[in-house]
């Protein structure tokens, strides 16, 4: 495994007049990662990818791809492929002719890998069909085929599953997982959180052009704690027992009679269970569940970005992964 990170951004900034699209972004994509770059529409994800691919110049900061700046040397992108926003092909030409044109631009032995790339994305049977008749999902897969003929070590994808039907999403998910299992590093921007949660081992979440979290997905979940649904024989008494307990926060009583709360860890749950039993508020239901990526995403990107306690927990998780911003 190489010691040089496939992607390293340091203080990356892009301004358009008074608008700051990307604001002091620093992150690292390690070899072998499936790295999710997440944020609402307009958060600066596509602009960041364009700078990584050398398509636009940063206002400030640095992009290093395998240790080289793509603005200074095209060799920085020798092992990189992908597409931004959507792949584009000549609709009046068939798939294989489009890929031959891509291979001619790339040179080397790219032409000899076309058949293999079509097989990987499961388009061999449609190679002779005009691209104008392809579905959106087939366009996306053909775009990945065009990237694969370079035999890249790093694949950059901008919203690869957007606009796909459930079957297309499943196929795209399986394809990315397969490429990762074969040793390819993948960085994808997306707002489809369920897809990212299933595919990615590390994420960066961006809000208004700034990174609000970078690190392991599991560390982010752990920092957020556990969400608990609680029902007891005496919920009024239970609420008095819960009040002010260490490791318990965000207590809400629902009209259904259930109490929802957040526990810092399993020890806090065990101690609460014992306290409720001692007070004779006997537990009828105690159902913990880890916070989903969607829960965490909205906490970090909407409103004030979460409570002070939540921010502190996320900062601690980021420090543990060595990626504090």
C-alpha atoms as a PDB file:
ATOM      1  CA  UNK A   1       0.000   0.000   0.000  1.00  0.00           C
ATOM      2  CA  UNK A   2       1.328   3.423  -0.979  1.00  0.00           C
ATOM      3  CA  UNK A   3       2.145   5.937   1.762  1.00  0.00           C
ATOM      4  CA  UNK A   4       0.874   8.790  -0.454  1.00  0.00           C
ATOM      5  CA  UNK A   5      -2.828   9.561  -0.003  1.00  0.00           C
ATOM      6  CA  UNK A   6      -4.917   9.430  -3.194  1.00  0.00           C
ATOM      7  CA  UNK A   7      -6.503  12.780  -2.240  1.00  0.00           C
ATOM      8  CA  UNK A   8      -5.302  15.428   0.219  1.00  0.00           C
ATOM      9  CA  UNK A   9      -7.013  18.812   0.388  1.00  0.00           C
ATOM     10  CA  UNK A  10      -5.487  21.513   2.563  1.00  0.00           C
ATOM     11  CA  UNK A  11      -7.289  24.822   3.116  1.00  0.00           C
ATOM     12  CA  UNK A  12      -9.069  24.494  -0.230  1.00  0.00           C
ATOM     13  CA  UNK A  13     -11.128  27.586  -1.041  1.00  0.00           C
ATOM     14  CA  UNK A  14     -13.057  28.716  -4.109  1.00  0.00           C
ATOM     15  CA  UNK A  15     -14.694  32.129  -4.375  1.00  0.00           C
ATOM     16  CA  UNK A  16     -16.900  33.542  -7.103  1.00  0.00           C
ATOM     17  CA  UNK A  17     -17.004  37.255  -6.404  1.00  0.00           C
ATOM     18  CA  UNK A  18     -18.601  37.623  -2.984  1.00  0.00           C
ATOM     19  CA  UNK A  19     -19.765  34.013  -2.910  1.00  0.00           C
ATOM     20  CA  UNK A  20     -17.537  31.441  -1.213  1.00  0.00           C
ATOM     21  CA  UNK A  21     -18.490  28.082  -2.731  1.00  0.00           C
ATOM     22  CA  UNK A  22     -15.775  26.088  -0.943  1.00  0.00           C
ATOM     23  CA  UNK A  23     -14.473  27.457   2.345  1.00  0.00           C
ATOM     24  CA  UNK A  24     -11.139  26.276   3.796  1.00  0.00           C
ATOM     25  CA  UNK A  25     -11.744  22.552   3.202  1.00  0.00           C
ATOM     26  CA  UNK A  26      -9.158  20.079   4.461  1.00  0.00           C
ATOM     27  CA  UNK A  27      -9.623  16.329   4.162  1.00  0.00           C
ATOM     28  CA  UNK A  28      -7.736  13.152   3.316  1.00  0.00           C
ATOM     29  CA  UNK A  29      -8.889  10.154   1.298  1.00  0.00           C
ATOM     30  CA  UNK A  30      -6.816   7.098   2.169  1.00  0.00           C
ATOM     31  CA  UNK A  31      -5.936   4.281  -0.177  1.00  0.00           C
ATOM     32  CA  UNK A  32      -8.718   1.694  -0.272  1.00  0.00           C
ATOM     33  CA  UNK A  33     -11.393   4.042   1.079  1.00  0.00           C
ATOM     34  CA  UNK A  34     -14.909   4.294  -0.233  1.00  0.00           C
ATOM     35  CA  UNK A  35     -15.186   7.914   0.823  1.00  0.00           C
ATOM     36  CA  UNK A  36     -18.504   9.753   0.870  1.00  0.00           C
ATOM     37  CA  UNK A  37     -18.474  13.530   0.368  1.00  0.00           C
ATOM     38  CA  UNK A  38     -21.865  14.598   1.655  1.00  0.00           C
ATOM     39  CA  UNK A  39     -23.814  17.806   1.786  1.00  0.00           C
ATOM     40  CA  UNK A  40     -27.039  19.499   0.699  1.00  0.00           C
ATOM     41  CA  UNK A  41     -27.380  20.770  -2.853  1.00  0.00           C
ATOM     42  CA  UNK A  42     -25.268  23.894  -3.238  1.00  0.00           C
ATOM     43  CA  UNK A  43     -22.883  22.958  -0.416  1.00  0.00           C
ATOM     44  CA  UNK A  44     -19.827  22.973  -2.704  1.00  0.00           C
ATOM     45  CA  UNK A  45     -19.404  19.258  -3.422  1.00  0.00           C
ATOM     46  CA  UNK A  46     -19.220  19.487  -7.217  1.00  0.00           C
ATOM     47  CA  UNK A  47     -16.963  22.550  -7.073  1.00  0.00           C
ATOM     48  CA  UNK A  48     -14.561  20.607  -4.844  1.00  0.00           C
ATOM     49  CA  UNK A  49     -14.499  17.678  -7.280  1.00  0.00           C
ATOM     50  CA  UNK A  50     -13.817  20.030 -10.182  1.00  0.00           C
ATOM     51  CA  UNK A  51     -10.782  21.392  -8.329  1.00  0.00           C
ATOM     52  CA  UNK A  52      -9.573  17.848  -7.560  1.00  0.00           C
ATOM     53  CA  UNK A  53      -9.715  17.058 -11.277  1.00  0.00           C
ATOM     54  CA  UNK A  54      -7.918  20.273 -12.230  1.00  0.00           C
ATOM     55  CA  UNK A  55     -10.959  21.634 -14.098  1.00  0.00           C
ATOM     56  CA  UNK A  56     -11.055  24.900 -12.136  1.00  0.00           C
ATOM     57  CA  UNK A  57      -8.403  26.744 -10.142  1.00  0.00           C
ATOM     58  CA  UNK A  58      -8.690  27.128  -6.375  1.00  0.00           C
ATOM     59  CA  UNK A  59      -8.784  30.653  -4.983  1.00  0.00           C
ATOM     60  CA  UNK A  60      -6.598  29.430  -2.112  1.00  0.00           C
ATOM     61  CA  UNK A  61      -5.328  26.214  -0.626  1.00  0.00           C
ATOM     62  CA  UNK A  62      -3.919  23.053  -2.126  1.00  0.00           C
ATOM     63  CA  UNK A  63      -5.102  19.925  -3.920  1.00  0.00           C
ATOM     64  CA  UNK A  64      -2.773  16.933  -3.978  1.00  0.00           C
ATOM     65  CA  UNK A  65      -3.720  13.825  -5.956  1.00  0.00           C
ATOM     66  CA  UNK A  66      -1.275  11.030  -5.242  1.00  0.00           C
ATOM     67  CA  UNK A  67       1.056  13.733  -3.950  1.00  0.00           C
ATOM     68  CA  UNK A  68       0.894  15.982  -7.042  1.00  0.00           C
ATOM     69  CA  UNK A  69      -0.996  19.169  -7.848  1.00  0.00           C
ATOM     70  CA  UNK A  70      -3.230  18.668 -10.924  1.00  0.00           C
ATOM     71  CA  UNK A  71      -2.945  22.393 -11.725  1.00  0.00           C
ATOM     72  CA  UNK A  72       0.830  22.052 -12.116  1.00  0.00           C
ATOM     73  CA  UNK A  73       1.121  18.667 -13.800  1.00  0.00           C
ATOM     74  CA  UNK A  74      -1.326  16.571 -15.804  1.00  0.00           C
ATOM     75  CA  UNK A  75       0.602  13.544 -14.530  1.00  0.00           C
ATOM     76  CA  UNK A  76      -1.215  14.014 -11.227  1.00  0.00           C
ATOM     77  CA  UNK A  77      -4.317  12.588 -12.924  1.00  0.00           C
ATOM     78  CA  UNK A  78      -2.611   9.640 -14.611  1.00  0.00           C
ATOM     79  CA  UNK A  79      -4.241   7.172 -12.189  1.00  0.00           C
ATOM     80  CA  UNK A  80      -7.543   9.034 -11.807  1.00  0.00           C
ATOM     81  CA  UNK A  81     -10.846   8.719 -13.646  1.00  0.00           C
ATOM     82  CA  UNK A  82     -14.485   9.599 -13.100  1.00  0.00           C
ATOM     83  CA  UNK A  83     -17.071  12.183 -14.023  1.00  0.00           C
ATOM     84  CA  UNK A  84     -18.574  15.355 -12.627  1.00  0.00           C
ATOM     85  CA  UNK A  85     -22.376  15.884 -12.652  1.00  0.00           C
ATOM     86  CA  UNK A  86     -23.090  13.396 -15.481  1.00  0.00           C
ATOM     87  CA  UNK A  87     -21.130  11.581 -18.206  1.00  0.00           C
ATOM     88  CA  UNK A  88     -21.620  12.878 -21.740  1.00  0.00           C
ATOM     89  CA  UNK A  89     -21.592  10.811 -24.928  1.00  0.00           C
ATOM     90  CA  UNK A  90     -22.541  11.236 -28.591  1.00  0.00           C
ATOM     91  CA  UNK A  91     -26.164  10.016 -28.644  1.00  0.00           C
ATOM     92  CA  UNK A  92     -26.107   9.117 -32.360  1.00  0.00           C
ATOM     93  CA  UNK A  93     -23.159   6.722 -31.891  1.00  0.00           C
ATOM     94  CA  UNK A  94     -23.280   3.303 -30.289  1.00  0.00           C
ATOM     95  CA  UNK A  95     -21.722   2.571 -26.913  1.00  0.00           C
ATOM     96  CA  UNK A  96     -18.598   0.849 -28.170  1.00  0.00           C
ATOM     97  CA  UNK A  97     -17.823   3.651 -30.653  1.00  0.00           C
ATOM     98  CA  UNK A  98     -18.163   6.224 -27.887  1.00  0.00           C
ATOM     99  CA  UNK A  99     -15.738   4.236 -25.737  1.00  0.00           C
ATOM    100  CA  UNK A 100     -13.294   3.928 -28.645  1.00  0.00           C
ATOM    101  CA  UNK A 101     -13.240   7.721 -28.883  1.00  0.00           C
ATOM    102  CA  UNK A 102     -12.551   7.961 -25.158  1.00  0.00           C
ATOM    103  CA  UNK A 103      -9.789   5.360 -25.480  1.00  0.00           C
ATOM    104  CA  UNK A 104      -8.220   7.249 -28.397  1.00  0.00           C
ATOM    105  CA  UNK A 105      -7.906  10.336 -26.189  1.00  0.00           C
ATOM    106  CA  UNK A 106      -6.327   8.289 -23.405  1.00  0.00           C
ATOM    107  CA  UNK A 107      -3.932   6.372 -25.633  1.00  0.00           C
ATOM    108  CA  UNK A 108      -1.684   3.571 -24.377  1.00  0.00           C
ATOM    109  CA  UNK A 109      -3.593   0.264 -24.415  1.00  0.00           C
ATOM    110  CA  UNK A 110      -6.928   1.727 -23.313  1.00  0.00           C
ATOM    111  CA  UNK A 111      -8.658   0.448 -26.453  1.00  0.00           C
ATOM    112  CA  UNK A 112      -7.822  -3.106 -25.492  1.00  0.00           C
ATOM    113  CA  UNK A 113      -9.714  -2.731 -22.205  1.00  0.00           C
ATOM    114  CA  UNK A 114     -13.062  -1.651 -23.694  1.00  0.00           C
ATOM    115  CA  UNK A 115     -14.560  -5.146 -23.763  1.00  0.00           C
ATOM    116  CA  UNK A 116     -13.531  -5.756 -20.157  1.00  0.00           C
ATOM    117  CA  UNK A 117     -15.002  -2.404 -19.033  1.00  0.00           C
ATOM    118  CA  UNK A 118     -18.313  -3.096 -20.769  1.00  0.00           C
ATOM    119  CA  UNK A 119     -18.443  -6.487 -19.083  1.00  0.00           C
ATOM    120  CA  UNK A 120     -17.785  -4.974 -15.635  1.00  0.00           C
ATOM    121  CA  UNK A 121     -20.736  -2.561 -15.990  1.00  0.00           C
ATOM    122  CA  UNK A 122     -22.901  -5.254 -17.636  1.00  0.00           C
ATOM    123  CA  UNK A 123     -23.391  -3.460 -20.949  1.00  0.00           C
ATOM    124  CA  UNK A 124     -21.756  -5.994 -23.282  1.00  0.00           C
ATOM    125  CA  UNK A 125     -25.121  -6.917 -24.810  1.00  0.00           C
ATOM    126  CA  UNK A 126     -25.869  -3.234 -25.556  1.00  0.00           C
ATOM    127  CA  UNK A 127     -22.433  -2.311 -26.935  1.00  0.00           C
ATOM    128  CA  UNK A 128     -23.791  -1.945 -30.487  1.00  0.00           C
ATOM    129  CA  UNK A 129     -26.828   0.148 -29.504  1.00  0.00           C
ATOM    130  CA  UNK A 130     -26.980   3.913 -29.933  1.00  0.00           C
ATOM    131  CA  UNK A 131     -26.465   5.730 -26.670  1.00  0.00           C
ATOM    132  CA  UNK A 132     -29.423   8.026 -27.391  1.00  0.00           C
ATOM    133  CA  UNK A 133     -31.705   5.109 -26.558  1.00  0.00           C
ATOM    134  CA  UNK A 134     -30.040   4.342 -23.213  1.00  0.00           C
ATOM    135  CA  UNK A 135     -31.778   4.850 -19.888  1.00  0.00           C
ATOM    136  CA  UNK A 136     -30.293   7.223 -17.320  1.00  0.00           C
ATOM    137  CA  UNK A 137     -28.869   4.294 -15.387  1.00  0.00           C
ATOM    138  CA  UNK A 138     -27.220   2.889 -18.512  1.00  0.00           C
ATOM    139  CA  UNK A 139     -25.664   6.303 -19.190  1.00  0.00           C
ATOM    140  CA  UNK A 140     -24.215   6.282 -15.657  1.00  0.00           C
ATOM    141  CA  UNK A 141     -22.813   2.782 -16.107  1.00  0.00           C
ATOM    142  CA  UNK A 142     -21.353   3.672 -19.497  1.00  0.00           C
ATOM    143  CA  UNK A 143     -19.683   6.656 -17.836  1.00  0.00           C
ATOM    144  CA  UNK A 144     -18.037   4.320 -15.349  1.00  0.00           C
ATOM    145  CA  UNK A 145     -16.972   2.046 -18.210  1.00  0.00           C
ATOM    146  CA  UNK A 146     -15.309   5.065 -19.831  1.00  0.00           C
ATOM    147  CA  UNK A 147     -13.488   5.689 -16.563  1.00  0.00           C
ATOM    148  CA  UNK A 148     -12.431   2.056 -16.122  1.00  0.00           C
ATOM    149  CA  UNK A 149     -10.652   1.796 -19.465  1.00  0.00           C
ATOM    150  CA  UNK A 150      -7.973   3.991 -17.878  1.00  0.00           C
ATOM    151  CA  UNK A 151      -7.530   1.300 -15.185  1.00  0.00           C
ATOM    152  CA  UNK A 152      -7.524   4.005 -12.478  1.00  0.00           C
ATOM    153  CA  UNK A 153      -6.389   3.690  -8.890  1.00  0.00           C
ATOM    154  CA  UNK A 154      -8.806   6.463  -7.871  1.00  0.00           C
ATOM    155  CA  UNK A 155     -12.382   6.800  -9.111  1.00  0.00           C
ATOM    156  CA  UNK A 156     -14.160  10.146  -8.521  1.00  0.00           C
ATOM    157  CA  UNK A 157     -17.928  10.086  -8.963  1.00  0.00           C
ATOM    158  CA  UNK A 158     -20.346  12.989  -8.631  1.00  0.00           C
ATOM    159  CA  UNK A 159     -23.843  11.842  -7.606  1.00  0.00           C
ATOM    160  CA  UNK A 160     -23.532   8.488  -9.429  1.00  0.00           C
ATOM    161  CA  UNK A 161     -26.954   7.196  -8.297  1.00  0.00           C
ATOM    162  CA  UNK A 162     -29.008  10.371  -8.844  1.00  0.00           C
ATOM    163  CA  UNK A 163     -32.022   9.742 -11.044  1.00  0.00           C
ATOM    164  CA  UNK A 164     -31.719   5.967 -10.934  1.00  0.00           C
ATOM    165  CA  UNK A 165     -34.679   3.731 -10.199  1.00  0.00           C
ATOM    166  CA  UNK A 166     -34.357   1.232  -7.306  1.00  0.00           C
ATOM    167  CA  UNK A 167     -32.931  -1.435  -9.615  1.00  0.00           C
ATOM    168  CA  UNK A 168     -30.393   1.014 -11.021  1.00  0.00           C
ATOM    169  CA  UNK A 169     -29.367   2.079  -7.527  1.00  0.00           C
ATOM    170  CA  UNK A 170     -28.875  -1.548  -6.530  1.00  0.00           C
ATOM    171  CA  UNK A 171     -26.715  -2.190  -9.604  1.00  0.00           C
ATOM    172  CA  UNK A 172     -24.643   0.969  -9.012  1.00  0.00           C
ATOM    173  CA  UNK A 173     -24.156   0.037  -5.364  1.00  0.00           C
ATOM    174  CA  UNK A 174     -23.026  -3.475  -6.309  1.00  0.00           C
ATOM    175  CA  UNK A 175     -20.638  -2.116  -8.940  1.00  0.00           C
ATOM    176  CA  UNK A 176     -18.957   0.337  -6.553  1.00  0.00           C
ATOM    177  CA  UNK A 177     -18.653  -2.371  -3.887  1.00  0.00           C
ATOM    178  CA  UNK A 178     -17.064  -4.699  -6.447  1.00  0.00           C
ATOM    179  CA  UNK A 179     -14.532  -2.098  -7.589  1.00  0.00           C
ATOM    180  CA  UNK A 180     -13.623  -1.355  -3.976  1.00  0.00           C
ATOM    181  CA  UNK A 181     -13.151  -5.049  -3.209  1.00  0.00           C
ATOM    182  CA  UNK A 182     -10.673  -5.194  -6.089  1.00  0.00           C
ATOM    183  CA  UNK A 183      -8.535  -2.491  -4.464  1.00  0.00           C
ATOM    184  CA  UNK A 184      -9.780   0.688  -6.140  1.00  0.00           C
ATOM    185  CA  UNK A 185     -10.152   3.846  -4.041  1.00  0.00           C
ATOM    186  CA  UNK A 186     -13.532   5.496  -4.620  1.00  0.00           C
ATOM    187  CA  UNK A 187     -14.616   9.012  -3.681  1.00  0.00           C
ATOM    188  CA  UNK A 188     -18.218   9.872  -4.359  1.00  0.00           C
ATOM    189  CA  UNK A 189     -20.297  12.936  -3.663  1.00  0.00           C
ATOM    190  CA  UNK A 190     -23.909  12.306  -2.858  1.00  0.00           C
ATOM    191  CA  UNK A 191     -27.005  13.388  -0.991  1.00  0.00           C
ATOM    192  CA  UNK A 192     -28.503   9.854  -1.075  1.00  0.00           C
ATOM    193  CA  UNK A 193     -27.635   8.992   2.494  1.00  0.00           C
ATOM    194  CA  UNK A 194     -28.865   5.412   2.574  1.00  0.00           C
ATOM    195  CA  UNK A 195     -26.578   4.570  -0.347  1.00  0.00           C
ATOM    196  CA  UNK A 196     -23.595   6.218   1.318  1.00  0.00           C
ATOM    197  CA  UNK A 197     -24.292   4.505   4.629  1.00  0.00           C
ATOM    198  CA  UNK A 198     -24.210   1.109   2.953  1.00  0.00           C
ATOM    199  CA  UNK A 199     -21.136   1.767   0.781  1.00  0.00           C
ATOM    200  CA  UNK A 200     -18.754   4.113   2.576  1.00  0.00           C
ATOM    201  CA  UNK A 201     -16.287   3.497   5.394  1.00  0.00           C
ATOM    202  CA  UNK A 202     -15.339   7.176   5.778  1.00  0.00           C
ATOM    203  CA  UNK A 203     -17.247  10.395   5.148  1.00  0.00           C
ATOM    204  CA  UNK A 204     -16.879  14.151   5.103  1.00  0.00           C
ATOM    205  CA  UNK A 205     -20.001  16.221   5.684  1.00  0.00           C
ATOM    206  CA  UNK A 206     -20.000  19.734   4.238  1.00  0.00           C
ATOM    207  CA  UNK A 207     -22.286  22.632   5.118  1.00  0.00           C
ATOM    208  CA  UNK A 208     -22.190  25.953   3.244  1.00  0.00           C
ATOM    209  CA  UNK A 209     -18.807  25.064   1.774  1.00  0.00           C
ATOM    210  CA  UNK A 210     -17.187  24.075   5.098  1.00  0.00           C
ATOM    211  CA  UNK A 211     -16.389  20.648   6.525  1.00  0.00           C
ATOM    212  CA  UNK A 212     -18.389  20.006   9.692  1.00  0.00           C
ATOM    213  CA  UNK A 213     -17.205  16.392  10.107  1.00  0.00           C
ATOM    214  CA  UNK A 214     -14.559  14.144   8.590  1.00  0.00           C
ATOM    215  CA  UNK A 215     -13.745  10.658   9.730  1.00  0.00           C
ATOM    216  CA  UNK A 216     -14.914   7.093  10.152  1.00  0.00           C
ATOM    217  CA  UNK A 217     -18.630   6.557   9.749  1.00  0.00           C
ATOM    218  CA  UNK A 218     -18.609   4.241  12.765  1.00  0.00           C
ATOM    219  CA  UNK A 219     -16.917   6.935  14.890  1.00  0.00           C
ATOM    220  CA  UNK A 220     -19.581   9.437  13.871  1.00  0.00           C
ATOM    221  CA  UNK A 221     -22.330   7.043  14.934  1.00  0.00           C
ATOM    222  CA  UNK A 222     -20.567   6.298  18.224  1.00  0.00           C
ATOM    223  CA  UNK A 223     -20.139  10.007  18.970  1.00  0.00           C
ATOM    224  CA  UNK A 224     -23.855  10.573  18.487  1.00  0.00           C
ATOM    225  CA  UNK A 225     -24.775   7.951  21.073  1.00  0.00           C
ATOM    226  CA  UNK A 226     -27.828   5.690  21.091  1.00  0.00           C
ATOM    227  CA  UNK A 227     -31.452   6.714  20.602  1.00  0.00           C
ATOM    228  CA  UNK A 228     -33.738   4.962  23.095  1.00  0.00           C
ATOM    229  CA  UNK A 229     -37.490   4.331  23.053  1.00  0.00           C
ATOM    230  CA  UNK A 230     -38.665   3.771  26.629  1.00  0.00           C
ATOM    231  CA  UNK A 231     -42.023   2.782  28.141  1.00  0.00           C
ATOM    232  CA  UNK A 232     -42.547   2.092  31.839  1.00  0.00           C
ATOM    233  CA  UNK A 233     -45.346   1.381  34.317  1.00  0.00           C
ATOM    234  CA  UNK A 234     -45.107   4.988  35.525  1.00  0.00           C
ATOM    235  CA  UNK A 235     -43.769   7.391  32.919  1.00  0.00           C
ATOM    236  CA  UNK A 236     -44.194  10.465  35.132  1.00  0.00           C
ATOM    237  CA  UNK A 237     -41.954   8.859  37.742  1.00  0.00           C
ATOM    238  CA  UNK A 238     -39.578   7.703  35.002  1.00  0.00           C
ATOM    239  CA  UNK A 239     -39.168  11.268  33.742  1.00  0.00           C
ATOM    240  CA  UNK A 240     -38.240  12.414  37.272  1.00  0.00           C
ATOM    241  CA  UNK A 241     -35.661   9.607  37.514  1.00  0.00           C
ATOM    242  CA  UNK A 242     -34.227  10.515  34.099  1.00  0.00           C
ATOM    243  CA  UNK A 243     -33.968  14.253  34.817  1.00  0.00           C
ATOM    244  CA  UNK A 244     -30.370  15.345  35.181  1.00  0.00           C
ATOM    245  CA  UNK A 245     -28.838  11.872  34.838  1.00  0.00           C
ATOM    246  CA  UNK A 246     -25.309  11.806  33.495  1.00  0.00           C
ATOM    247  CA  UNK A 247     -25.063  10.422  29.957  1.00  0.00           C
ATOM    248  CA  UNK A 248     -28.758  11.001  29.159  1.00  0.00           C
ATOM    249  CA  UNK A 249     -29.919  13.862  26.923  1.00  0.00           C
ATOM    250  CA  UNK A 250     -32.563  14.977  24.410  1.00  0.00           C
ATOM    251  CA  UNK A 251     -35.481  13.578  26.427  1.00  0.00           C
ATOM    252  CA  UNK A 252     -38.853  13.862  24.643  1.00  0.00           C
ATOM    253  CA  UNK A 253     -42.215  12.433  25.700  1.00  0.00           C
ATOM    254  CA  UNK A 254     -44.407  11.420  22.774  1.00  0.00           C
ATOM    255  CA  UNK A 255     -48.197  11.397  22.683  1.00  0.00           C
ATOM    256  CA  UNK A 256     -48.098   7.621  22.200  1.00  0.00           C
ATOM    257  CA  UNK A 257     -46.893   7.291  25.790  1.00  0.00           C
ATOM    258  CA  UNK A 258     -43.303   6.471  24.860  1.00  0.00           C
ATOM    259  CA  UNK A 259     -40.288   8.442  26.043  1.00  0.00           C
ATOM    260  CA  UNK A 260     -37.472   9.059  23.575  1.00  0.00           C
ATOM    261  CA  UNK A 261     -34.012   9.903  24.833  1.00  0.00           C
ATOM    262  CA  UNK A 262     -30.381   9.731  23.837  1.00  0.00           C
ATOM    263  CA  UNK A 263     -27.814   7.757  25.840  1.00  0.00           C
ATOM    264  CA  UNK A 264     -24.076   8.364  25.559  1.00  0.00           C
ATOM    265  CA  UNK A 265     -23.266   4.633  25.709  1.00  0.00           C
ATOM    266  CA  UNK A 266     -24.456   1.242  26.939  1.00  0.00           C
ATOM    267  CA  UNK A 267     -23.237   1.944  30.482  1.00  0.00           C
ATOM    268  CA  UNK A 268     -25.611   4.914  30.700  1.00  0.00           C
ATOM    269  CA  UNK A 269     -28.475   2.651  29.585  1.00  0.00           C
ATOM    270  CA  UNK A 270     -27.626   0.009  32.188  1.00  0.00           C
ATOM    271  CA  UNK A 271     -27.436   2.585  34.990  1.00  0.00           C
ATOM    272  CA  UNK A 272     -30.753   4.110  33.928  1.00  0.00           C
ATOM    273  CA  UNK A 273     -32.401   0.671  33.915  1.00  0.00           C
ATOM    274  CA  UNK A 274     -31.250   0.030  37.465  1.00  0.00           C
ATOM    275  CA  UNK A 275     -32.408   3.470  38.657  1.00  0.00           C
ATOM    276  CA  UNK A 276     -35.858   2.947  37.139  1.00  0.00           C
ATOM    277  CA  UNK A 277     -36.195  -0.456  38.790  1.00  0.00           C
ATOM    278  CA  UNK A 278     -35.087   0.971  42.165  1.00  0.00           C
ATOM    279  CA  UNK A 279     -37.762   3.671  41.838  1.00  0.00           C
ATOM    280  CA  UNK A 280     -40.360   1.018  40.862  1.00  0.00           C
ATOM    281  CA  UNK A 281     -40.959   2.519  37.427  1.00  0.00           C
ATOM    282  CA  UNK A 282     -40.750  -0.910  35.811  1.00  0.00           C
ATOM    283  CA  UNK A 283     -39.609  -1.120  32.212  1.00  0.00           C
ATOM    284  CA  UNK A 284     -42.155  -2.287  29.634  1.00  0.00           C
ATOM    285  CA  UNK A 285     -40.020  -1.413  26.607  1.00  0.00           C
ATOM    286  CA  UNK A 286     -36.420  -0.279  26.192  1.00  0.00           C
ATOM    287  CA  UNK A 287     -35.397  -0.321  22.568  1.00  0.00           C
ATOM    288  CA  UNK A 288     -32.005   1.195  21.670  1.00  0.00           C
ATOM    289  CA  UNK A 289     -31.020   1.982  18.090  1.00  0.00           C
ATOM    290  CA  UNK A 290     -27.915   3.600  16.637  1.00  0.00           C
ATOM    291  CA  UNK A 291     -28.425   6.971  14.990  1.00  0.00           C
ATOM    292  CA  UNK A 292     -28.684   6.710  11.209  1.00  0.00           C
ATOM    293  CA  UNK A 293     -26.481   8.694   8.881  1.00  0.00           C
ATOM    294  CA  UNK A 294     -29.594  10.662   7.917  1.00  0.00           C
ATOM    295  CA  UNK A 295     -30.169  11.669  11.568  1.00  0.00           C
ATOM    296  CA  UNK A 296     -26.572  12.813  11.924  1.00  0.00           C
ATOM    297  CA  UNK A 297     -26.532  14.561   8.546  1.00  0.00           C
ATOM    298  CA  UNK A 298     -29.518  16.745   9.414  1.00  0.00           C
ATOM    299  CA  UNK A 299     -28.105  17.578  12.836  1.00  0.00           C
ATOM    300  CA  UNK A 300     -24.891  18.792  11.238  1.00  0.00           C
ATOM    301  CA  UNK A 301     -26.294  20.593   8.207  1.00  0.00           C
ATOM    302  CA  UNK A 302     -29.562  22.158   9.374  1.00  0.00           C
ATOM    303  CA  UNK A 303     -30.464  24.803  11.937  1.00  0.00           C
ATOM    304  CA  UNK A 304     -27.606  25.718  14.249  1.00  0.00           C
ATOM    305  CA  UNK A 305     -25.726  22.509  13.419  1.00  0.00           C
ATOM    306  CA  UNK A 306     -26.739  20.718  16.642  1.00  0.00           C
ATOM    307  CA  UNK A 307     -26.460  21.347  20.336  1.00  0.00           C
ATOM    308  CA  UNK A 308     -23.256  22.304  22.115  1.00  0.00           C
ATOM    309  CA  UNK A 309     -23.089  18.824  23.661  1.00  0.00           C
ATOM    310  CA  UNK A 310     -23.526  17.245  20.240  1.00  0.00           C
ATOM    311  CA  UNK A 311     -20.815  19.424  18.724  1.00  0.00           C
ATOM    312  CA  UNK A 312     -18.450  18.509  21.563  1.00  0.00           C
ATOM    313  CA  UNK A 313     -19.067  14.799  21.042  1.00  0.00           C
ATOM    314  CA  UNK A 314     -18.475  15.088  17.289  1.00  0.00           C
ATOM    315  CA  UNK A 315     -15.311  17.114  17.849  1.00  0.00           C
ATOM    316  CA  UNK A 316     -14.038  14.397  20.177  1.00  0.00           C
ATOM    317  CA  UNK A 317     -14.747  11.713  17.580  1.00  0.00           C
ATOM    318  CA  UNK A 318     -12.914  13.706  14.936  1.00  0.00           C
ATOM    319  CA  UNK A 319      -9.865  14.040  17.204  1.00  0.00           C
ATOM    320  CA  UNK A 320      -9.902  10.289  17.817  1.00  0.00           C
ATOM    321  CA  UNK A 321      -9.627   9.622  14.085  1.00  0.00           C
ATOM    322  CA  UNK A 322      -6.779  12.123  13.719  1.00  0.00           C
ATOM    323  CA  UNK A 323      -8.732  14.259  11.260  1.00  0.00           C
ATOM    324  CA  UNK A 324      -9.658  17.359  13.252  1.00  0.00           C
ATOM    325  CA  UNK A 325     -10.344  20.310  10.988  1.00  0.00           C
END
